[in-house]
Amino acid sequence: GSFRTYEKGDLVTYNACMKIYKDIDEGKIHLPSSSLYTLG
């Protein structure tokens, strides 16, 4: 339902990286550098 997440199991793992991006954007995660490398 709307008061819970509809992500479970493999979806949580698959979208974990986007949650991190979102948290960086919202200031919940602070990076020690202004450059962030990621694999192509």
PDB file of all heavy atoms in Angstrom:
ATOM      1  N   GLY A   1       0.798  -1.221   0.000  1.00  0.00           N
ATOM      2  CA  GLY A   1       0.000   0.000   0.000  1.00  0.00           C
ATOM      3  C   GLY A   1       0.831   1.272   0.000  1.00  0.00           C
ATOM      4  O   GLY A   1       2.059   1.246   0.109  1.00  0.00           O
ATOM      5  N   SER A   2       0.130   2.402  -0.075  1.00  0.00           N
ATOM      6  CA  SER A   2       0.800   3.700  -0.177  1.00  0.00           C
ATOM      7  C   SER A   2       1.555   4.074   1.094  1.00  0.00           C
ATOM      8  O   SER A   2       2.440   4.918   1.058  1.00  0.00           O
ATOM      9  CB  SER A   2      -0.236   4.789  -0.498  1.00  0.00           C
ATOM     10  OG  SER A   2      -1.216   4.864   0.523  1.00  0.00           O
ATOM     11  N   PHE A   3       1.189   3.471   2.243  1.00  0.00           N
ATOM     12  CA  PHE A   3       1.893   3.767   3.481  1.00  0.00           C
ATOM     13  C   PHE A   3       3.110   2.870   3.683  1.00  0.00           C
ATOM     14  O   PHE A   3       3.776   2.932   4.706  1.00  0.00           O
ATOM     15  CB  PHE A   3       0.935   3.641   4.676  1.00  0.00           C
ATOM     16  CG  PHE A   3       0.121   4.874   4.913  1.00  0.00           C
ATOM     17  CD1 PHE A   3      -0.716   5.360   3.918  1.00  0.00           C
ATOM     18  CD2 PHE A   3       0.190   5.571   6.101  1.00  0.00           C
ATOM     19  CE1 PHE A   3      -1.472   6.504   4.110  1.00  0.00           C
ATOM     20  CE2 PHE A   3      -0.564   6.718   6.310  1.00  0.00           C
ATOM     21  CZ  PHE A   3      -1.404   7.186   5.311  1.00  0.00           C
ATOM     22  N   ARG A   4       3.374   2.017   2.691  1.00  0.00           N
ATOM     23  CA  ARG A   4       4.547   1.148   2.739  1.00  0.00           C
ATOM     24  C   ARG A   4       5.274   1.256   1.392  1.00  0.00           C
ATOM     25  O   ARG A   4       4.791   1.879   0.464  1.00  0.00           O
ATOM     26  CB  ARG A   4       4.149  -0.301   2.990  1.00  0.00           C
ATOM     27  CG  ARG A   4       3.345  -0.512   4.269  1.00  0.00           C
ATOM     28  CD  ARG A   4       2.881  -1.941   4.376  1.00  0.00           C
ATOM     29  NE  ARG A   4       1.986  -2.133   5.499  1.00  0.00           N
ATOM     30  CZ  ARG A   4       2.363  -2.481   6.710  1.00  0.00           C
ATOM     31  NH1 ARG A   4       3.648  -2.679   6.952  1.00  0.00           N
ATOM     32  NH2 ARG A   4       1.494  -2.650   7.677  1.00  0.00           N
ATOM     33  N   THR A   5       6.407   0.629   1.290  1.00  0.00           N
ATOM     34  CA  THR A   5       7.095   0.569   0.010  1.00  0.00           C
ATOM     35  C   THR A   5       6.591  -0.622  -0.782  1.00  0.00           C
ATOM     36  O   THR A   5       6.229  -1.637  -0.212  1.00  0.00           O
ATOM     37  CB  THR A   5       8.616   0.457   0.184  1.00  0.00           C
ATOM     38  OG1 THR A   5       9.206   0.309  -1.106  1.00  0.00           O
ATOM     39  CG2 THR A   5       8.991  -0.740   1.027  1.00  0.00           C
ATOM     40  N   TYR A   6       6.534  -0.501  -2.090  1.00  0.00           N
ATOM     41  CA  TYR A   6       6.194  -1.658  -2.911  1.00  0.00           C
ATOM     42  C   TYR A   6       7.439  -2.243  -3.552  1.00  0.00           C
ATOM     43  O   TYR A   6       7.375  -2.935  -4.554  1.00  0.00           O
ATOM     44  CB  TYR A   6       5.141  -1.313  -3.982  1.00  0.00           C
ATOM     45  CG  TYR A   6       5.440  -0.126  -4.857  1.00  0.00           C
ATOM     46  CD1 TYR A   6       6.045  -0.289  -6.096  1.00  0.00           C
ATOM     47  CD2 TYR A   6       5.080   1.151  -4.466  1.00  0.00           C
ATOM     48  CE1 TYR A   6       6.306   0.791  -6.909  1.00  0.00           C
ATOM     49  CE2 TYR A   6       5.324   2.242  -5.280  1.00  0.00           C
ATOM     50  CZ  TYR A   6       5.927   2.054  -6.497  1.00  0.00           C
ATOM     51  OH  TYR A   6       6.171   3.138  -7.296  1.00  0.00           O
ATOM     52  N   GLU A   7       8.577  -1.987  -2.941  1.00  0.00           N
ATOM     53  CA  GLU A   7       9.833  -2.622  -3.356  1.00  0.00           C
ATOM     54  C   GLU A   7      10.179  -3.719  -2.365  1.00  0.00           C
ATOM     55  O   GLU A   7      10.238  -3.470  -1.157  1.00  0.00           O
ATOM     56  CB  GLU A   7      10.969  -1.603  -3.401  1.00  0.00           C
ATOM     57  CG  GLU A   7      10.949  -0.750  -4.638  1.00  0.00           C
ATOM     58  CD  GLU A   7      12.252   0.006  -4.814  1.00  0.00           C
ATOM     59  OE1 GLU A   7      12.873   0.369  -3.815  1.00  0.00           O
ATOM     60  OE2 GLU A   7      12.636   0.227  -5.956  1.00  0.00           O
ATOM     61  N   LYS A   8      10.357  -4.911  -2.888  1.00  0.00           N
ATOM     62  CA  LYS A   8      10.704  -6.038  -2.039  1.00  0.00           C
ATOM     63  C   LYS A   8      11.733  -6.910  -2.752  1.00  0.00           C
ATOM     64  O   LYS A   8      11.830  -6.888  -3.981  1.00  0.00           O
ATOM     65  CB  LYS A   8       9.457  -6.864  -1.714  1.00  0.00           C
ATOM     66  CG  LYS A   8       8.484  -6.154  -0.773  1.00  0.00           C
ATOM     67  CD  LYS A   8       7.279  -7.022  -0.482  1.00  0.00           C
ATOM     68  CE  LYS A   8       6.418  -6.405   0.615  1.00  0.00           C
ATOM     69  NZ  LYS A   8       5.927  -5.087   0.249  1.00  0.00           N
ATOM     70  N   GLY A   9      12.474  -7.683  -1.970  1.00  0.00           N
ATOM     71  CA  GLY A   9      13.382  -8.673  -2.532  1.00  0.00           C
ATOM     72  C   GLY A   9      14.407  -8.080  -3.484  1.00  0.00           C
ATOM     73  O   GLY A   9      15.146  -7.144  -3.158  1.00  0.00           O
ATOM     74  N   ASP A  10      14.412  -8.633  -4.689  1.00  0.00           N
ATOM     75  CA  ASP A  10      15.413  -8.237  -5.681  1.00  0.00           C
ATOM     76  C   ASP A  10      15.276  -6.778  -6.098  1.00  0.00           C
ATOM     77  O   ASP A  10      16.266  -6.145  -6.478  1.00  0.00           O
ATOM     78  CB  ASP A  10      15.303  -9.126  -6.924  1.00  0.00           C
ATOM     79  CG  ASP A  10      15.718 -10.566  -6.645  1.00  0.00           C
ATOM     80  OD1 ASP A  10      16.410 -10.783  -5.635  1.00  0.00           O
ATOM     81  OD2 ASP A  10      15.332 -11.455  -7.426  1.00  0.00           O
ATOM     82  N   LEU A  11      14.049  -6.228  -6.052  1.00  0.00           N
ATOM     83  CA  LEU A  11      13.863  -4.822  -6.424  1.00  0.00           C
ATOM     84  C   LEU A  11      14.622  -3.895  -5.494  1.00  0.00           C
ATOM     85  O   LEU A  11      15.165  -2.873  -5.929  1.00  0.00           O
ATOM     86  CB  LEU A  11      12.377  -4.462  -6.405  1.00  0.00           C
ATOM     87  CG  LEU A  11      11.589  -4.637  -7.701  1.00  0.00           C
ATOM     88  CD1 LEU A  11      10.131  -4.241  -7.484  1.00  0.00           C
ATOM     89  CD2 LEU A  11      12.197  -3.823  -8.839  1.00  0.00           C
ATOM     90  N   VAL A  12      14.665  -4.230  -4.206  1.00  0.00           N
ATOM     91  CA  VAL A  12      15.409  -3.401  -3.251  1.00  0.00           C
ATOM     92  C   VAL A  12      16.883  -3.370  -3.622  1.00  0.00           C
ATOM     93  O   VAL A  12      17.527  -2.320  -3.644  1.00  0.00           O
ATOM     94  CB  VAL A  12      15.213  -3.927  -1.814  1.00  0.00           C
ATOM     95  CG1 VAL A  12      16.074  -3.124  -0.834  1.00  0.00           C
ATOM     96  CG2 VAL A  12      13.744  -3.843  -1.422  1.00  0.00           C
ATOM     97  N   THR A  13      17.420  -4.548  -3.938  1.00  0.00           N
ATOM     98  CA  THR A  13      18.826  -4.640  -4.333  1.00  0.00           C
ATOM     99  C   THR A  13      19.078  -3.888  -5.633  1.00  0.00           C
ATOM    100  O   THR A  13      20.042  -3.128  -5.748  1.00  0.00           O
ATOM    101  CB  THR A  13      19.223  -6.116  -4.502  1.00  0.00           C
ATOM    102  OG1 THR A  13      18.991  -6.812  -3.276  1.00  0.00           O
ATOM    103  CG2 THR A  13      20.690  -6.243  -4.883  1.00  0.00           C
ATOM    104  N   TYR A  14      18.189  -4.106  -6.610  1.00  0.00           N
ATOM    105  CA  TYR A  14      18.377  -3.505  -7.926  1.00  0.00           C
ATOM    106  C   TYR A  14      18.347  -1.979  -7.869  1.00  0.00           C
ATOM    107  O   TYR A  14      19.104  -1.305  -8.570  1.00  0.00           O
ATOM    108  CB  TYR A  14      17.286  -4.015  -8.875  1.00  0.00           C
ATOM    109  CG  TYR A  14      17.425  -3.516 -10.296  1.00  0.00           C
ATOM    110  CD1 TYR A  14      18.441  -3.993 -11.109  1.00  0.00           C
ATOM    111  CD2 TYR A  14      16.545  -2.577 -10.812  1.00  0.00           C
ATOM    112  CE1 TYR A  14      18.576  -3.545 -12.416  1.00  0.00           C
ATOM    113  CE2 TYR A  14      16.671  -2.125 -12.118  1.00  0.00           C
ATOM    114  CZ  TYR A  14      17.685  -2.613 -12.916  1.00  0.00           C
ATOM    115  OH  TYR A  14      17.824  -2.168 -14.206  1.00  0.00           O
ATOM    116  N   ASN A  15      17.495  -1.415  -7.009  1.00  0.00           N
ATOM    117  CA  ASN A  15      17.338   0.039  -6.958  1.00  0.00           C
ATOM    118  C   ASN A  15      18.070   0.693  -5.792  1.00  0.00           C
ATOM    119  O   ASN A  15      17.911   1.895  -5.549  1.00  0.00           O
ATOM    120  CB  ASN A  15      15.848   0.397  -6.887  1.00  0.00           C
ATOM    121  CG  ASN A  15      15.132   0.104  -8.195  1.00  0.00           C
ATOM    122  OD1 ASN A  15      15.593   0.494  -9.259  1.00  0.00           O
ATOM    123  ND2 ASN A  15      14.014  -0.593  -8.122  1.00  0.00           N
ATOM    124  N   ALA A  16      18.884  -0.098  -5.076  1.00  0.00           N
ATOM    125  CA  ALA A  16      19.631   0.469  -3.950  1.00  0.00           C
ATOM    126  C   ALA A  16      20.542   1.600  -4.405  1.00  0.00           C
ATOM    127  O   ALA A  16      20.690   2.622  -3.720  1.00  0.00           O
ATOM    128  CB  ALA A  16      20.447  -0.628  -3.270  1.00  0.00           C
ATOM    129  N   CYS A  17      21.153   1.437  -5.581  1.00  0.00           N
ATOM    130  CA  CYS A  17      22.068   2.469  -6.074  1.00  0.00           C
ATOM    131  C   CYS A  17      21.339   3.786  -6.326  1.00  0.00           C
ATOM    132  O   CYS A  17      21.876   4.873  -6.080  1.00  0.00           O
ATOM    133  CB  CYS A  17      22.762   2.001  -7.348  1.00  0.00           C
ATOM    134  SG  CYS A  17      21.652   1.388  -8.624  1.00  0.00           S
ATOM    135  N   MET A  18      20.074   3.718  -6.806  1.00  0.00           N
ATOM    136  CA  MET A  18      19.328   4.944  -7.055  1.00  0.00           C
ATOM    137  C   MET A  18      18.919   5.617  -5.747  1.00  0.00           C
ATOM    138  O   MET A  18      18.822   6.837  -5.671  1.00  0.00           O
ATOM    139  CB  MET A  18      18.096   4.650  -7.914  1.00  0.00           C
ATOM    140  CG  MET A  18      18.428   4.208  -9.316  1.00  0.00           C
ATOM    141  SD  MET A  18      19.530   5.356 -10.197  1.00  0.00           S
ATOM    142  CE  MET A  18      20.944   4.287 -10.495  1.00  0.00           C
ATOM    143  N   LYS A  19      18.676   4.805  -4.714  1.00  0.00           N
ATOM    144  CA  LYS A  19      18.382   5.397  -3.411  1.00  0.00           C
ATOM    145  C   LYS A  19      19.590   6.180  -2.901  1.00  0.00           C
ATOM    146  O   LYS A  19      19.448   7.258  -2.305  1.00  0.00           O
ATOM    147  CB  LYS A  19      17.994   4.308  -2.405  1.00  0.00           C
ATOM    148  CG  LYS A  19      17.598   4.870  -1.035  1.00  0.00           C
ATOM    149  CD  LYS A  19      17.261   3.780  -0.059  1.00  0.00           C
ATOM    150  CE  LYS A  19      16.779   4.373   1.259  1.00  0.00           C
ATOM    151  NZ  LYS A  19      17.759   5.288   1.891  1.00  0.00           N
ATOM    152  N   ILE A  20      20.767   5.636  -3.151  1.00  0.00           N
ATOM    153  CA  ILE A  20      21.981   6.353  -2.731  1.00  0.00           C
ATOM    154  C   ILE A  20      22.112   7.660  -3.509  1.00  0.00           C
ATOM    155  O   ILE A  20      22.402   8.718  -2.934  1.00  0.00           O
ATOM    156  CB  ILE A  20      23.218   5.452  -2.916  1.00  0.00           C
ATOM    157  CG1 ILE A  20      23.174   4.288  -1.920  1.00  0.00           C
ATOM    158  CG2 ILE A  20      24.505   6.255  -2.743  1.00  0.00           C
ATOM    159  CD1 ILE A  20      24.294   3.287  -2.077  1.00  0.00           C
ATOM    160  N   TYR A  21      21.914   7.610  -4.819  1.00  0.00           N
ATOM    161  CA  TYR A  21      21.950   8.848  -5.614  1.00  0.00           C
ATOM    162  C   TYR A  21      20.955   9.870  -5.065  1.00  0.00           C
ATOM    163  O   TYR A  21      21.260  11.060  -4.938  1.00  0.00           O
ATOM    164  CB  TYR A  21      21.605   8.547  -7.075  1.00  0.00           C
ATOM    165  CG  TYR A  21      22.775   8.206  -7.956  1.00  0.00           C
ATOM    166  CD1 TYR A  21      22.760   7.042  -8.715  1.00  0.00           C
ATOM    167  CD2 TYR A  21      23.879   9.049  -8.067  1.00  0.00           C
ATOM    168  CE1 TYR A  21      23.828   6.716  -9.555  1.00  0.00           C
ATOM    169  CE2 TYR A  21      24.942   8.738  -8.899  1.00  0.00           C
ATOM    170  CZ  TYR A  21      24.907   7.571  -9.633  1.00  0.00           C
ATOM    171  OH  TYR A  21      25.962   7.266 -10.459  1.00  0.00           O
ATOM    172  N   LYS A  22      19.755   9.397  -4.773  1.00  0.00           N
ATOM    173  CA  LYS A  22      18.707  10.293  -4.261  1.00  0.00           C
ATOM    174  C   LYS A  22      19.126  10.894  -2.924  1.00  0.00           C
ATOM    175  O   LYS A  22      18.929  12.097  -2.671  1.00  0.00           O
ATOM    176  CB  LYS A  22      17.399   9.510  -4.121  1.00  0.00           C
ATOM    177  CG  LYS A  22      16.176  10.350  -3.743  1.00  0.00           C
ATOM    178  CD  LYS A  22      14.921   9.483  -3.823  1.00  0.00           C
ATOM    179  CE  LYS A  22      13.668  10.293  -3.542  1.00  0.00           C
ATOM    180  NZ  LYS A  22      13.574  10.750  -2.156  1.00  0.00           N
ATOM    181  N   ASP A  23      19.703  10.074  -2.058  1.00  0.00           N
ATOM    182  CA  ASP A  23      20.137  10.575  -0.749  1.00  0.00           C
ATOM    183  C   ASP A  23      21.286  11.575  -0.879  1.00  0.00           C
ATOM    184  O   ASP A  23      21.369  12.542  -0.106  1.00  0.00           O
ATOM    185  CB  ASP A  23      20.558   9.404   0.143  1.00  0.00           C
ATOM    186  CG  ASP A  23      19.369   8.592   0.644  1.00  0.00           C
ATOM    187  OD1 ASP A  23      18.225   9.079   0.495  1.00  0.00           O
ATOM    188  OD2 ASP A  23      19.578   7.478   1.162  1.00  0.00           O
ATOM    189  N   ILE A  24      22.181  11.356  -1.836  1.00  0.00           N
ATOM    190  CA  ILE A  24      23.250  12.340  -2.082  1.00  0.00           C
ATOM    191  C   ILE A  24      22.642  13.653  -2.544  1.00  0.00           C
ATOM    192  O   ILE A  24      22.996  14.731  -2.065  1.00  0.00           O
ATOM    193  CB  ILE A  24      24.248  11.809  -3.131  1.00  0.00           C
ATOM    194  CG1 ILE A  24      24.990  10.579  -2.607  1.00  0.00           C
ATOM    195  CG2 ILE A  24      25.252  12.903  -3.512  1.00  0.00           C
ATOM    196  CD1 ILE A  24      25.842   9.892  -3.667  1.00  0.00           C
ATOM    197  N   ASP A  25      21.696  13.575  -3.477  1.00  0.00           N
ATOM    198  CA  ASP A  25      21.039  14.776  -3.996  1.00  0.00           C
ATOM    199  C   ASP A  25      20.313  15.541  -2.893  1.00  0.00           C
ATOM    200  O   ASP A  25      20.319  16.774  -2.871  1.00  0.00           O
ATOM    201  CB  ASP A  25      20.054  14.382  -5.106  1.00  0.00           C
ATOM    202  CG  ASP A  25      19.262  15.561  -5.611  1.00  0.00           C
ATOM    203  OD1 ASP A  25      19.881  16.532  -6.080  1.00  0.00           O
ATOM    204  OD2 ASP A  25      18.013  15.516  -5.529  1.00  0.00           O
ATOM    205  N   GLU A  26      19.703  14.821  -1.951  1.00  0.00           N
ATOM    206  CA  GLU A  26      18.938  15.463  -0.877  1.00  0.00           C
ATOM    207  C   GLU A  26      19.791  15.821   0.326  1.00  0.00           C
ATOM    208  O   GLU A  26      19.277  16.310   1.334  1.00  0.00           O
ATOM    209  CB  GLU A  26      17.789  14.539  -0.450  1.00  0.00           C
ATOM    210  CG  GLU A  26      16.751  14.341  -1.564  1.00  0.00           C
ATOM    211  CD  GLU A  26      15.686  13.322  -1.193  1.00  0.00           C
ATOM    212  OE1 GLU A  26      15.841  12.663  -0.137  1.00  0.00           O
ATOM    213  OE2 GLU A  26      14.713  13.191  -1.947  1.00  0.00           O
ATOM    214  N   GLY A  27      21.108  15.603   0.227  1.00  0.00           N
ATOM    215  CA  GLY A  27      22.015  15.989   1.304  1.00  0.00           C
ATOM    216  C   GLY A  27      22.048  15.032   2.474  1.00  0.00           C
ATOM    217  O   GLY A  27      22.601  15.355   3.531  1.00  0.00           O
ATOM    218  N   LYS A  28      21.488  13.833   2.322  1.00  0.00           N
ATOM    219  CA  LYS A  28      21.500  12.843   3.405  1.00  0.00           C
ATOM    220  C   LYS A  28      22.819  12.080   3.459  1.00  0.00           C
ATOM    221  O   LYS A  28      23.159  11.501   4.488  1.00  0.00           O
ATOM    222  CB  LYS A  28      20.340  11.865   3.228  1.00  0.00           C
ATOM    223  CG  LYS A  28      18.965  12.524   3.330  1.00  0.00           C
ATOM    224  CD  LYS A  28      17.850  11.525   3.038  1.00  0.00           C
ATOM    225  CE  LYS A  28      16.492  12.196   3.074  1.00  0.00           C
ATOM    226  NZ  LYS A  28      15.390  11.256   2.727  1.00  0.00           N
ATOM    227  N   ILE A  29      23.538  12.060   2.344  1.00  0.00           N
ATOM    228  CA  ILE A  29      24.869  11.465   2.280  1.00  0.00           C
ATOM    229  C   ILE A  29      25.832  12.541   1.799  1.00  0.00           C
ATOM    230  O   ILE A  29      25.584  13.180   0.774  1.00  0.00           O
ATOM    231  CB  ILE A  29      24.903  10.263   1.315  1.00  0.00           C
ATOM    232  CG1 ILE A  29      23.985   9.149   1.804  1.00  0.00           C
ATOM    233  CG2 ILE A  29      26.323   9.730   1.164  1.00  0.00           C
ATOM    234  CD1 ILE A  29      23.866   7.988   0.834  1.00  0.00           C
ATOM    235  N   HIS A  30      26.915  12.738   2.542  1.00  0.00           N
ATOM    236  CA  HIS A  30      27.894  13.772   2.188  1.00  0.00           C
ATOM    237  C   HIS A  30      29.160  13.104   1.659  1.00  0.00           C
ATOM    238  O   HIS A  30      29.755  12.249   2.330  1.00  0.00           O
ATOM    239  CB  HIS A  30      28.218  14.633   3.409  1.00  0.00           C
ATOM    240  CG  HIS A  30      27.031  15.371   3.942  1.00  0.00           C
ATOM    241  ND1 HIS A  30      26.532  16.508   3.365  1.00  0.00           N
ATOM    242  CD2 HIS A  30      26.237  15.084   5.009  1.00  0.00           C
ATOM    243  CE1 HIS A  30      25.468  16.922   4.049  1.00  0.00           C
ATOM    244  NE2 HIS A  30      25.273  16.078   5.057  1.00  0.00           N
ATOM    245  N   LEU A  31      29.557  13.494   0.469  1.00  0.00           N
ATOM    246  CA  LEU A  31      30.739  12.917  -0.170  1.00  0.00           C
ATOM    247  C   LEU A  31      31.988  13.692   0.225  1.00  0.00           C
ATOM    248  O   LEU A  31      31.946  14.922   0.378  1.00  0.00           O
ATOM    249  CB  LEU A  31      30.579  12.934  -1.691  1.00  0.00           C
ATOM    250  CG  LEU A  31      29.402  12.127  -2.261  1.00  0.00           C
ATOM    251  CD1 LEU A  31      29.334  12.323  -3.775  1.00  0.00           C
ATOM    252  CD2 LEU A  31      29.538  10.658  -1.918  1.00  0.00           C
ATOM    253  N   PRO A  32      33.119  12.991   0.340  1.00  0.00           N
ATOM    254  CA  PRO A  32      34.370  13.680   0.681  1.00  0.00           C
ATOM    255  C   PRO A  32      35.036  14.334  -0.520  1.00  0.00           C
ATOM    256  O   PRO A  32      36.129  14.879  -0.398  1.00  0.00           O
ATOM    257  CB  PRO A  32      35.236  12.543   1.246  1.00  0.00           C
ATOM    258  CG  PRO A  32      34.747  11.325   0.539  1.00  0.00           C
ATOM    259  CD  PRO A  32      33.278  11.532   0.328  1.00  0.00           C
ATOM    260  N   SER A  33      34.396  14.239  -1.687  1.00  0.00           N
ATOM    261  CA  SER A  33      34.992  14.796  -2.899  1.00  0.00           C
ATOM    262  C   SER A  33      33.885  15.319  -3.800  1.00  0.00           C
ATOM    263  O   SER A  33      32.740  14.866  -3.740  1.00  0.00           O
ATOM    264  CB  SER A  33      35.805  13.713  -3.630  1.00  0.00           C
ATOM    265  OG  SER A  33      36.202  14.163  -4.914  1.00  0.00           O
ATOM    266  N   SER A  34      34.233  16.289  -4.651  1.00  0.00           N
ATOM    267  CA  SER A  34      33.258  16.817  -5.614  1.00  0.00           C
ATOM    268  C   SER A  34      33.225  15.984  -6.894  1.00  0.00           C
ATOM    269  O   SER A  34      32.430  16.262  -7.789  1.00  0.00           O
ATOM    270  CB  SER A  34      33.586  18.277  -5.949  1.00  0.00           C
ATOM    271  OG  SER A  34      34.884  18.371  -6.521  1.00  0.00           O
ATOM    272  N   SER A  35      34.096  14.984  -6.981  1.00  0.00           N
ATOM    273  CA  SER A  35      34.089  14.068  -8.129  1.00  0.00           C
ATOM    274  C   SER A  35      33.684  12.677  -7.653  1.00  0.00           C
ATOM    275  O   SER A  35      34.243  12.160  -6.685  1.00  0.00           O
ATOM    276  CB  SER A  35      35.474  14.003  -8.781  1.00  0.00           C
ATOM    277  OG  SER A  35      35.812  15.252  -9.351  1.00  0.00           O
ATOM    278  N   LEU A  36      32.727  12.104  -8.349  1.00  0.00           N
ATOM    279  CA  LEU A  36      32.253  10.770  -8.005  1.00  0.00           C
ATOM    280  C   LEU A  36      32.418   9.875  -9.231  1.00  0.00           C
ATOM    281  O   LEU A  36      31.787  10.098 -10.271  1.00  0.00           O
ATOM    282  CB  LEU A  36      30.782  10.816  -7.578  1.00  0.00           C
ATOM    283  CG  LEU A  36      30.150   9.481  -7.175  1.00  0.00           C
ATOM    284  CD1 LEU A  36      30.815   8.929  -5.912  1.00  0.00           C
ATOM    285  CD2 LEU A  36      28.650   9.644  -6.939  1.00  0.00           C
ATOM    286  N   TYR A  37      33.275   8.883  -9.119  1.00  0.00           N
ATOM    287  CA  TYR A  37      33.514   7.962 -10.236  1.00  0.00           C
ATOM    288  C   TYR A  37      32.503   6.817 -10.175  1.00  0.00           C
ATOM    289  O   TYR A  37      32.117   6.355  -9.099  1.00  0.00           O
ATOM    290  CB  TYR A  37      34.934   7.395 -10.155  1.00  0.00           C
ATOM    291  CG  TYR A  37      36.013   8.407 -10.430  1.00  0.00           C
ATOM    292  CD1 TYR A  37      36.467   9.271  -9.436  1.00  0.00           C
ATOM    293  CD2 TYR A  37      36.589   8.499 -11.693  1.00  0.00           C
ATOM    294  CE1 TYR A  37      37.454  10.203  -9.680  1.00  0.00           C
ATOM    295  CE2 TYR A  37      37.595   9.425 -11.955  1.00  0.00           C
ATOM    296  CZ  TYR A  37      38.012  10.276 -10.947  1.00  0.00           C
ATOM    297  OH  TYR A  37      39.003  11.209 -11.202  1.00  0.00           O
ATOM    298  N   THR A  38      32.099   6.369 -11.338  1.00  0.00           N
ATOM    299  CA  THR A  38      31.241   5.188 -11.412  1.00  0.00           C
ATOM    300  C   THR A  38      31.598   4.400 -12.664  1.00  0.00           C
ATOM    301  O   THR A  38      32.204   4.942 -13.596  1.00  0.00           O
ATOM    302  CB  THR A  38      29.747   5.564 -11.387  1.00  0.00           C
ATOM    303  OG1 THR A  38      28.962   4.390 -11.215  1.00  0.00           O
ATOM    304  CG2 THR A  38      29.334   6.252 -12.669  1.00  0.00           C
ATOM    305  N   LEU A  39      31.251   3.131 -12.680  1.00  0.00           N
ATOM    306  CA  LEU A  39      31.677   2.251 -13.757  1.00  0.00           C
ATOM    307  C   LEU A  39      30.742   2.361 -14.961  1.00  0.00           C
ATOM    308  O   LEU A  39      29.517   2.280 -14.819  1.00  0.00           O
ATOM    309  CB  LEU A  39      31.718   0.797 -13.272  1.00  0.00           C
ATOM    310  CG  LEU A  39      32.544   0.540 -12.001  1.00  0.00           C
ATOM    311  CD1 LEU A  39      32.586  -0.956 -11.705  1.00  0.00           C
ATOM    312  CD2 LEU A  39      33.949   1.109 -12.134  1.00  0.00           C
ATOM    313  N   GLY A  40      31.333   2.508 -16.133  1.00  0.00           N
ATOM    314  CA  GLY A  40      30.553   2.687 -17.350  1.00  0.00           C
ATOM    315  C   GLY A  40      29.638   1.520 -17.662  1.00  0.00           C
ATOM    316  O   GLY A  40      28.531   1.705 -18.175  1.00  0.00           O
TER     317      GLY A  40
END
